[in-house]
C-alpha atoms as a PDB file:
ATOM      1  CA  MET A   1     -11.508  12.373  14.553  1.00  0.00           C
ATOM      2  CA  THR A   2     -11.958  10.143  17.575  1.00  0.00           C
ATOM      3  CA  HIS A   3      -9.936   7.007  18.127  1.00  0.00           C
ATOM      4  CA  ARG A   4     -12.218   3.982  17.989  1.00  0.00           C
ATOM      5  CA  ALA A   5     -10.738   0.623  18.812  1.00  0.00           C
ATOM      6  CA  ASN A   6     -12.505  -2.476  17.553  1.00  0.00           C
ATOM      7  CA  PRO A   7     -10.377  -5.314  18.953  1.00  0.00           C
ATOM      8  CA  THR A   8     -13.069  -7.944  18.422  1.00  0.00           C
ATOM      9  CA  ALA A   9     -13.044  -7.592  14.616  1.00  0.00           C
ATOM     10  CA  ILE A  10      -9.599  -9.178  14.133  1.00  0.00           C
ATOM     11  CA  PRO A  11      -8.291 -11.661  16.712  1.00  0.00           C
ATOM     12  CA  ALA A  12      -4.745 -10.979  17.867  1.00  0.00           C
ATOM     13  CA  LYS A  13      -3.427 -14.210  16.310  1.00  0.00           C
ATOM     14  CA  ASP A  14      -4.759 -13.132  12.887  1.00  0.00           C
ATOM     15  CA  ARG A  15      -3.041  -9.731  13.066  1.00  0.00           C
ATOM     16  CA  SER A  16       0.570 -10.883  13.124  1.00  0.00           C
ATOM     17  CA  LEU A  17       1.062 -11.942   9.497  1.00  0.00           C
ATOM     18  CA  PRO A  18      -0.674  -8.900   7.966  1.00  0.00           C
ATOM     19  CA  LEU A  19       1.509  -6.773  10.243  1.00  0.00           C
ATOM     20  CA  VAL A  20       4.609  -8.546   8.922  1.00  0.00           C
ATOM     21  CA  THR A  21       3.525  -7.831   5.335  1.00  0.00           C
ATOM     22  CA  TYR A  22       3.003  -4.152   6.122  1.00  0.00           C
ATOM     23  CA  VAL A  23       6.470  -3.975   7.704  1.00  0.00           C
ATOM     24  CA  LEU A  24       7.925  -5.657   4.616  1.00  0.00           C
ATOM     25  CA  MET A  25       6.210  -3.036   2.447  1.00  0.00           C
ATOM     26  CA  LEU A  26       7.734  -0.295   4.605  1.00  0.00           C
ATOM     27  CA  PHE A  27      11.209  -1.843   4.215  1.00  0.00           C
ATOM     28  CA  SER A  28      10.644  -2.110   0.469  1.00  0.00           C
ATOM     29  CA  VAL A  29      11.127   1.642   0.190  1.00  0.00           C
ATOM     30  CA  VAL A  30      14.776   0.989   1.078  1.00  0.00           C
ATOM     31  CA  THR A  31      15.397  -2.506  -0.305  1.00  0.00           C
ATOM     32  CA  GLY A  32      12.720  -3.083  -2.950  1.00  0.00           C
ATOM     33  CA  ALA A  33      12.921  -6.872  -2.766  1.00  0.00           C
ATOM     34  CA  THR A  34      10.892  -7.117   0.438  1.00  0.00           C
ATOM     35  CA  ALA A  35       7.825  -5.893  -1.463  1.00  0.00           C
ATOM     36  CA  VAL A  36       7.897  -9.081  -3.536  1.00  0.00           C
ATOM     37  CA  LEU A  37       8.017 -11.135  -0.342  1.00  0.00           C
ATOM     38  CA  ALA A  38       5.082  -9.143   1.057  1.00  0.00           C
ATOM     39  CA  LEU A  39       3.152  -9.779  -2.160  1.00  0.00           C
ATOM     40  CA  VAL A  40       3.812 -13.527  -2.026  1.00  0.00           C
ATOM     41  CA  ILE A  41       2.704 -13.734   1.613  1.00  0.00           C
ATOM     42  CA  ALA A  42      -0.424 -11.686   0.926  1.00  0.00           C
ATOM     43  CA  VAL A  43      -1.445 -13.762  -2.097  1.00  0.00           C
ATOM     44  CA  ILE A  44      -0.885 -17.087  -0.324  1.00  0.00           C
ATOM     45  CA  GLU A  45      -2.510 -16.117   2.982  1.00  0.00           C
ATOM     46  CA  ARG A  46      -5.416 -14.281   1.380  1.00  0.00           C
ATOM     47  CA  ARG A  47      -7.209 -17.498   0.403  1.00  0.00           C
ATOM     48  CA  ASN A  48      -7.885 -18.752   3.933  1.00  0.00           C
ATOM     49  CA  ALA A  49      -8.070 -15.425   5.752  1.00  0.00           C
ATOM     50  CA  PRO A  50     -11.239 -14.066   7.362  1.00  0.00           C
ATOM     51  CA  ALA A  51     -12.912 -11.254   5.402  1.00  0.00           C
ATOM     52  CA  VAL A  52     -11.483  -8.453   7.540  1.00  0.00           C
ATOM     53  CA  VAL A  53      -7.930  -9.775   7.279  1.00  0.00           C
ATOM     54  CA  ARG A  54      -8.453 -10.470   3.559  1.00  0.00           C
ATOM     55  CA  SER A  55      -9.219  -6.782   3.083  1.00  0.00           C
ATOM     56  CA  HIS A  56      -5.745  -5.975   4.457  1.00  0.00           C
ATOM     57  CA  TYR A  57      -4.122  -8.483   2.103  1.00  0.00           C
ATOM     58  CA  ASP A  58      -6.058  -6.992  -0.823  1.00  0.00           C
ATOM     59  CA  PHE A  59      -4.839  -3.539   0.225  1.00  0.00           C
ATOM     60  CA  ILE A  60      -1.216  -4.765   0.290  1.00  0.00           C
ATOM     61  CA  ILE A  61      -1.573  -6.464  -3.092  1.00  0.00           C
ATOM     62  CA  GLN A  62      -3.081  -3.330  -4.613  1.00  0.00           C
ATOM     63  CA  THR A  63      -0.329  -1.176  -3.123  1.00  0.00           C
ATOM     64  CA  PHE A  64       2.346  -3.439  -4.612  1.00  0.00           C
ATOM     65  CA  TRP A  65       0.927  -3.537  -8.134  1.00  0.00           C
ATOM     66  CA  VAL A  66       0.152   0.174  -8.373  1.00  0.00           C
ATOM     67  CA  ALA A  67       3.657   1.064  -7.142  1.00  0.00           C
ATOM     68  CA  PHE A  68       5.285  -1.557  -9.382  1.00  0.00           C
ATOM     69  CA  PHE A  69       3.593  -0.406 -12.588  1.00  0.00           C
ATOM     70  CA  SER A  70       3.977   3.279 -11.713  1.00  0.00           C
ATOM     71  CA  LEU A  71       7.694   2.900 -11.096  1.00  0.00           C
ATOM     72  CA  GLY A  72       8.088   0.794 -14.233  1.00  0.00           C
ATOM     73  CA  MET A  73       6.405   3.426 -16.393  1.00  0.00           C
ATOM     74  CA  VAL A  74       8.397   6.267 -14.827  1.00  0.00           C
ATOM     75  CA  PHE A  75      11.766   4.582 -15.327  1.00  0.00           C
ATOM     76  CA  ALA A  76      10.913   3.366 -18.831  1.00  0.00           C
ATOM     77  CA  LEU A  77       9.877   6.854 -19.902  1.00  0.00           C
ATOM     78  CA  ALA A  78      12.886   8.434 -18.183  1.00  0.00           C
ATOM     79  CA  GLY A  79      15.225   6.019 -19.945  1.00  0.00           C
ATOM     80  CA  LEU A  80      13.559   6.574 -23.302  1.00  0.00           C
ATOM     81  CA  PHE A  81      13.602  10.358 -23.085  1.00  0.00           C
ATOM     82  CA  SER A  82      17.128  10.397 -21.671  1.00  0.00           C
ATOM     83  CA  PHE A  83      18.225   8.348 -24.690  1.00  0.00           C
ATOM     84  CA  MET A  84      16.518  10.936 -26.914  1.00  0.00           C
ATOM     85  CA  GLY A  85      18.547  13.755 -25.362  1.00  0.00           C
ATOM     86  CA  TYR A  86      16.310  14.999 -22.538  1.00  0.00           C
ATOM     87  CA  HIS A  87      18.923  14.614 -19.825  1.00  0.00           C
ATOM     88  CA  TRP A  88      16.936  16.492 -17.177  1.00  0.00           C
ATOM     89  CA  LEU A  89      14.229  13.801 -17.116  1.00  0.00           C
ATOM     90  CA  PRO A  90      16.079  11.293 -14.871  1.00  0.00           C
ATOM     91  CA  SER A  91      16.077  13.960 -12.143  1.00  0.00           C
ATOM     92  CA  LEU A  92      12.326  14.258 -12.526  1.00  0.00           C
ATOM     93  CA  ALA A  93      12.081  10.456 -12.398  1.00  0.00           C
ATOM     94  CA  ARG A  94      13.924  10.459  -9.067  1.00  0.00           C
ATOM     95  CA  LEU A  95      11.414  12.955  -7.703  1.00  0.00           C
ATOM     96  CA  VAL A  96       8.509  10.808  -8.877  1.00  0.00           C
ATOM     97  CA  PHE A  97      10.225   7.758  -7.349  1.00  0.00           C
ATOM     98  CA  LEU A  98      10.345   9.569  -4.003  1.00  0.00           C
ATOM     99  CA  LEU A  99       6.660  10.490  -4.276  1.00  0.00           C
ATOM    100  CA  ILE A 100       5.681   6.902  -5.052  1.00  0.00           C
ATOM    101  CA  SER A 101       7.816   5.718  -2.129  1.00  0.00           C
ATOM    102  CA  LEU A 102       6.060   8.194   0.142  1.00  0.00           C
ATOM    103  CA  TRP A 103       2.711   6.909  -1.150  1.00  0.00           C
ATOM    104  CA  VAL A 104       3.721   3.316  -0.243  1.00  0.00           C
ATOM    105  CA  VAL A 105       4.787   4.429   3.236  1.00  0.00           C
ATOM    106  CA  VAL A 106       1.527   6.315   3.836  1.00  0.00           C
ATOM    107  CA  ARG A 107      -0.604   3.373   2.683  1.00  0.00           C
ATOM    108  CA  SER A 108       1.402   0.966   4.829  1.00  0.00           C
ATOM    109  CA  VAL A 109       1.095   3.146   7.916  1.00  0.00           C
ATOM    110  CA  ILE A 110      -2.657   3.535   7.345  1.00  0.00           C
ATOM    111  CA  GLY A 111      -2.924  -0.242   7.063  1.00  0.00           C
ATOM    112  CA  VAL A 112      -0.925  -0.834  10.248  1.00  0.00           C
ATOM    113  CA  LEU A 113      -3.046   1.647  12.200  1.00  0.00           C
ATOM    114  CA  ARG A 114      -6.329   0.125  11.009  1.00  0.00           C
ATOM    115  CA  LEU A 115      -4.994  -3.366  11.715  1.00  0.00           C
ATOM    116  CA  ARG A 116      -3.940  -2.286  15.202  1.00  0.00           C
ATOM    117  CA  ASP A 117      -7.434  -0.950  15.858  1.00  0.00           C
ATOM    118  CA  GLY A 118      -9.029  -4.144  14.570  1.00  0.00           C
ATOM    119  CA  PHE A 119     -10.625  -2.695  11.440  1.00  0.00           C
ATOM    120  CA  GLY A 120     -10.501  -3.965   7.894  1.00  0.00           C
ATOM    121  CA  MET A 121      -9.577  -1.877   4.890  1.00  0.00           C
ATOM    122  CA  ALA A 122     -12.369  -0.300   2.913  1.00  0.00           C
ATOM    123  CA  PRO A 123     -12.196  -0.363  -0.886  1.00  0.00           C
ATOM    124  CA  THR A 124      -9.954   2.382  -2.227  1.00  0.00           C
ATOM    125  CA  ARG A 125     -10.887   5.352  -4.333  1.00  0.00           C
ATOM    126  CA  SER A 126      -8.810   7.539  -6.597  1.00  0.00           C
ATOM    127  CA  LEU A 127      -5.090   7.747  -5.767  1.00  0.00           C
ATOM    128  CA  GLY A 128      -5.492   4.794  -3.440  1.00  0.00           C
ATOM    129  CA  VAL A 129      -7.078   6.685  -0.545  1.00  0.00           C
ATOM    130  CA  PRO A 130      -9.191   4.236   1.482  1.00  0.00           C
ATOM    131  CA  ALA A 131     -12.863   5.170   1.394  1.00  0.00           C
ATOM    132  CA  CYS A 132     -12.968   5.007   5.194  1.00  0.00           C
ATOM    133  CA  LEU A 133     -10.568   7.989   5.328  1.00  0.00           C
ATOM    134  CA  ASP A 134     -12.217   9.993   2.556  1.00  0.00           C
ATOM    135  CA  THR A 135     -13.770  12.992   4.293  1.00  0.00           C
ATOM    136  CA  THR A 136     -15.062  14.549   1.088  1.00  0.00           C
ATOM    137  CA  SER A 137     -17.813  11.997   0.487  1.00  0.00           C
ATOM    138  CA  ALA A 138     -21.181  12.690   2.075  1.00  0.00           C
ATOM    139  CA  GLN A 139     -22.391  10.146   4.604  1.00  0.00           C
ATOM    140  CA  THR A 140     -25.964   9.119   3.949  1.00  0.00           C
ATOM    141  CA  ALA A 141     -28.011   6.960   6.240  1.00  0.00           C
END
């Protein structure tokens, strides 16, 4: 895959706040609370952002909500089954937590790289893989 820069798509002044939100999402793997701050910034700034920058905010918002509900379901189920006597399930929940954290990191890094190159985020497909990175789909002209 060749590296294509498109610096004219997103002016440098419009890149700083989406970059901050991506960094907050990366820190959320350690702290958790910074993801809420990233969500608030993305929702507020999304309204007046150009379309390309808005796609990055949409990507951040989607990343937050998918991770939030996934983690909520995992910990709720782990707590329920642990209460029922399945004491091995919290260990499995920790593994799933690590996988979801890795997923957040990968999505954030993809977003930072596309922002750096001046590209927007394409709509996502299954498992949150951006369509622009999906090599399995056939390109038709």
